[in-house]
Amino acid sequence: MVVDAAAAEEAGAAVSAHDALAVVEIASPSARATDRKLKPALYTAAGIEH
């Protein structure tokens, strides 16, 4: 996850989805369907554009 530096400093260990600028998934064979179908929709709903 790429997060704005100021948001990362304020958040500590947990960062809110609205502070995420981009998320990268490494698709595993056992979770490929979830990684490619479900998660992009969840990221979009959370306002993560990339």
Protein backbone atom coordinates (compact mmCIF):
# COMPACT_ATOMS: atom_id res chain seq x y z
CA MET A 1 0.00 0.00 0.00
CA VAL A 2 1.21 3.49 -0.81
CA VAL A 3 0.06 6.05 1.71
CA ASP A 4 0.52 9.79 2.02
CA ALA A 5 3.46 10.46 4.36
CA ALA A 6 1.48 12.76 6.68
CA ALA A 7 -1.32 10.21 7.01
CA ALA A 8 1.20 7.45 7.76
CA GLU A 9 2.80 9.49 10.54
CA GLU A 10 -0.56 10.21 12.16
CA ALA A 11 -1.93 6.68 11.78
CA GLY A 12 0.83 4.61 13.36
CA ALA A 13 0.40 0.88 12.65
CA ALA A 14 -3.07 0.97 11.04
CA VAL A 15 -3.92 3.20 8.10
CA SER A 16 -7.47 4.01 7.03
CA ALA A 17 -8.50 3.01 3.52
CA HIS A 18 -9.27 6.63 2.62
CA ASP A 19 -5.56 7.44 3.17
CA ALA A 20 -4.38 4.80 0.68
CA LEU A 21 -3.14 6.16 -2.63
CA ALA A 22 -2.47 2.78 -4.25
CA VAL A 23 -2.61 -0.91 -3.32
CA VAL A 24 -0.61 -3.74 -4.88
CA GLU A 25 -1.78 -7.34 -4.64
CA ILE A 26 0.41 -10.37 -5.22
CA ALA A 27 -2.05 -12.98 -6.39
CA SER A 28 -1.52 -16.40 -4.90
CA PRO A 29 -2.82 -19.50 -6.68
CA SER A 30 -5.10 -20.39 -3.76
CA ALA A 31 -6.70 -16.93 -3.59
CA ARG A 32 -6.50 -15.80 -7.22
CA ALA A 33 -10.29 -15.45 -7.67
CA THR A 34 -10.59 -13.32 -4.53
CA ASP A 35 -7.55 -11.23 -5.44
CA ARG A 36 -8.78 -10.49 -8.96
CA LYS A 37 -12.57 -10.25 -8.52
CA LEU A 38 -13.53 -9.33 -4.97
CA LYS A 39 -10.67 -7.15 -3.78
CA PRO A 40 -10.68 -4.64 -6.68
CA ALA A 41 -14.37 -3.99 -6.01
CA LEU A 42 -13.66 -3.49 -2.30
CA TYR A 43 -10.81 -1.09 -3.05
CA THR A 44 -13.01 0.89 -5.43
CA ALA A 45 -15.79 1.08 -2.83
CA ALA A 46 -13.24 2.37 -0.30
CA GLY A 47 -12.17 5.12 -2.72
CA ILE A 48 -8.77 3.65 -3.59
CA GLU A 49 -8.24 4.54 -7.25
CA HIS A 50 -5.10 2.55 -7.98
